[in-house]
């Protein structure tokens, strides 16, 4: 039996890097998930189906700055939770911006992210990017 993902309205609180952010998640009826008892800065969300260059590597800081520009704190988003991340402590999710844009596919097309199914060696997008 496979479980269906949950879809939530959420509000971005911060961006960590090119494929990870934090968000407060609206669970409905006025109940919000702010990331747990030890934090109030939002739940960690790992974008699923992709990988960004790590912070401090070529392209990594730029990918984080790009995501931060697209999703500054306070940005409303819609997320579809898929599973808990294999490294724990964060949710793997698709992010759909309120305007309906599939953010992950957009960032892959723009070479800020590389498509990745979570198995094998983590790919990184080309740097410098070859698309503008």
Protein backbone atom coordinates (compact mmCIF):
# COMPACT_ATOMS: atom_id res chain seq x y z
CA UNK A 1 0.00 0.00 0.00
CA UNK A 2 1.50 3.35 -0.97
CA UNK A 3 0.53 6.47 0.89
CA UNK A 4 -0.55 9.61 -0.90
CA UNK A 5 1.53 12.72 -0.21
CA UNK A 6 0.07 15.56 1.81
CA UNK A 7 -0.29 19.03 0.31
CA UNK A 8 0.18 22.02 2.62
CA UNK A 9 0.16 25.77 2.47
CA UNK A 10 3.36 27.05 4.04
CA UNK A 11 5.38 30.22 4.56
CA UNK A 12 9.13 30.30 3.95
CA UNK A 13 11.16 31.36 7.00
CA UNK A 14 14.68 30.97 5.57
CA UNK A 15 16.81 29.37 2.86
CA UNK A 16 19.75 27.20 3.92
CA UNK A 17 21.29 26.36 0.53
CA UNK A 18 20.26 25.73 -3.07
CA UNK A 19 18.03 22.75 -2.23
CA UNK A 20 17.05 23.19 1.43
CA UNK A 21 14.85 25.74 3.17
CA UNK A 22 12.75 26.18 6.28
CA UNK A 23 9.04 26.88 6.35
CA UNK A 24 6.17 27.16 8.78
CA UNK A 25 3.52 24.69 7.64
CA UNK A 26 -0.22 25.34 7.90
CA UNK A 27 -1.82 22.11 9.13
CA UNK A 28 -5.31 23.62 8.94
CA UNK A 29 -7.80 24.99 11.47
CA UNK A 30 -5.23 27.46 12.79
CA UNK A 31 -2.62 24.82 13.64
CA UNK A 32 0.91 25.50 12.40
CA UNK A 33 4.05 23.36 12.45
CA UNK A 34 6.98 25.63 13.26
CA UNK A 35 9.62 22.91 13.18
CA UNK A 36 9.25 21.19 16.53
CA UNK A 37 9.79 21.90 20.20
CA UNK A 38 13.45 22.90 19.84
CA UNK A 39 12.98 25.47 17.08
CA UNK A 40 10.56 28.18 16.02
CA UNK A 41 12.21 29.01 12.71
CA UNK A 42 10.33 26.49 10.59
CA UNK A 43 10.58 22.88 9.53
CA UNK A 44 13.53 21.91 7.36
CA UNK A 45 12.42 21.05 3.81
CA UNK A 46 14.71 19.29 1.31
CA UNK A 47 13.66 19.73 -2.32
CA UNK A 48 13.07 16.26 -3.74
CA UNK A 49 14.30 14.95 -7.10
CA UNK A 50 17.27 17.28 -7.30
CA UNK A 51 20.63 18.31 -5.90
CA UNK A 52 22.40 21.67 -5.69
CA UNK A 53 26.10 22.30 -5.38
CA UNK A 54 27.11 22.45 -1.72
CA UNK A 55 27.78 25.76 0.01
CA UNK A 56 31.40 26.80 -0.42
CA UNK A 57 31.81 24.93 -3.72
CA UNK A 58 31.65 26.40 -7.22
CA UNK A 59 28.04 27.41 -7.78
CA UNK A 60 26.86 26.46 -4.31
CA UNK A 61 26.72 29.92 -2.77
CA UNK A 62 25.16 31.32 -5.97
CA UNK A 63 22.48 28.59 -5.96
CA UNK A 64 21.62 29.47 -2.34
CA UNK A 65 21.47 33.19 -3.17
CA UNK A 66 19.22 32.46 -6.16
CA UNK A 67 16.78 30.40 -4.06
CA UNK A 68 16.84 33.12 -1.38
CA UNK A 69 15.94 35.74 -4.02
CA UNK A 70 13.07 33.56 -5.30
CA UNK A 71 11.77 32.62 -1.85
CA UNK A 72 12.58 35.33 0.69
CA UNK A 73 11.26 34.94 4.24
CA UNK A 74 7.50 35.45 4.26
CA UNK A 75 6.90 33.97 0.80
CA UNK A 76 3.76 31.77 0.73
CA UNK A 77 4.28 28.42 -1.00
CA UNK A 78 2.45 25.15 -1.49
CA UNK A 79 4.41 22.04 -0.66
CA UNK A 80 3.72 18.38 -1.23
CA UNK A 81 5.40 16.24 1.42
CA UNK A 82 6.71 12.93 0.14
CA UNK A 83 8.74 11.34 2.93
CA UNK A 84 11.19 12.04 5.73
CA UNK A 85 14.65 12.68 4.35
CA UNK A 86 17.02 9.70 4.57
CA UNK A 87 19.44 11.81 6.65
CA UNK A 88 16.68 12.61 9.18
CA UNK A 89 15.35 15.79 10.68
CA UNK A 90 13.83 17.19 7.51
CA UNK A 91 10.99 16.54 5.11
CA UNK A 92 11.50 15.74 1.42
CA UNK A 93 8.96 17.73 -0.57
CA UNK A 94 7.99 19.21 -3.91
CA UNK A 95 7.55 22.97 -3.79
CA UNK A 96 4.86 24.57 -5.89
CA UNK A 97 4.84 28.35 -5.75
CA UNK A 98 1.47 29.98 -5.17
CA UNK A 99 1.33 30.99 -8.86
CA UNK A 100 1.44 27.29 -9.82
CA UNK A 101 5.09 27.17 -10.92
CA UNK A 102 6.86 23.84 -10.31
CA UNK A 103 9.87 25.40 -8.63
CA UNK A 104 12.11 22.33 -8.77
CA UNK A 105 11.63 21.80 -12.51
CA UNK A 106 12.21 25.51 -13.12
CA UNK A 107 15.50 25.43 -11.16
CA UNK A 108 16.64 22.27 -12.96
CA UNK A 109 15.91 23.89 -16.35
CA UNK A 110 17.86 26.99 -15.26
CA UNK A 111 20.78 24.75 -14.10
CA UNK A 112 20.64 25.87 -10.47
CA UNK A 113 19.82 22.24 -9.60
CA UNK A 114 20.65 18.86 -11.15
CA UNK A 115 17.96 16.20 -11.42
CA UNK A 116 18.66 13.37 -8.96
CA UNK A 117 16.56 10.42 -7.79
CA UNK A 118 18.40 10.14 -4.48
CA UNK A 119 20.45 7.07 -5.42
CA UNK A 120 24.05 6.82 -6.50
CA UNK A 121 26.52 9.66 -6.67
CA UNK A 122 24.96 13.10 -6.23
CA UNK A 123 25.16 15.06 -9.49
CA UNK A 124 25.85 18.79 -9.46
CA UNK A 125 24.66 21.29 -12.04
CA UNK A 126 27.26 22.72 -14.42
CA UNK A 127 29.17 25.76 -13.22
CA UNK A 128 29.25 28.26 -14.63
CA UNK A 129 25.69 27.71 -15.83
CA UNK A 130 25.30 27.44 -19.61
CA UNK A 131 21.76 28.88 -19.68
CA UNK A 132 20.66 32.36 -18.68
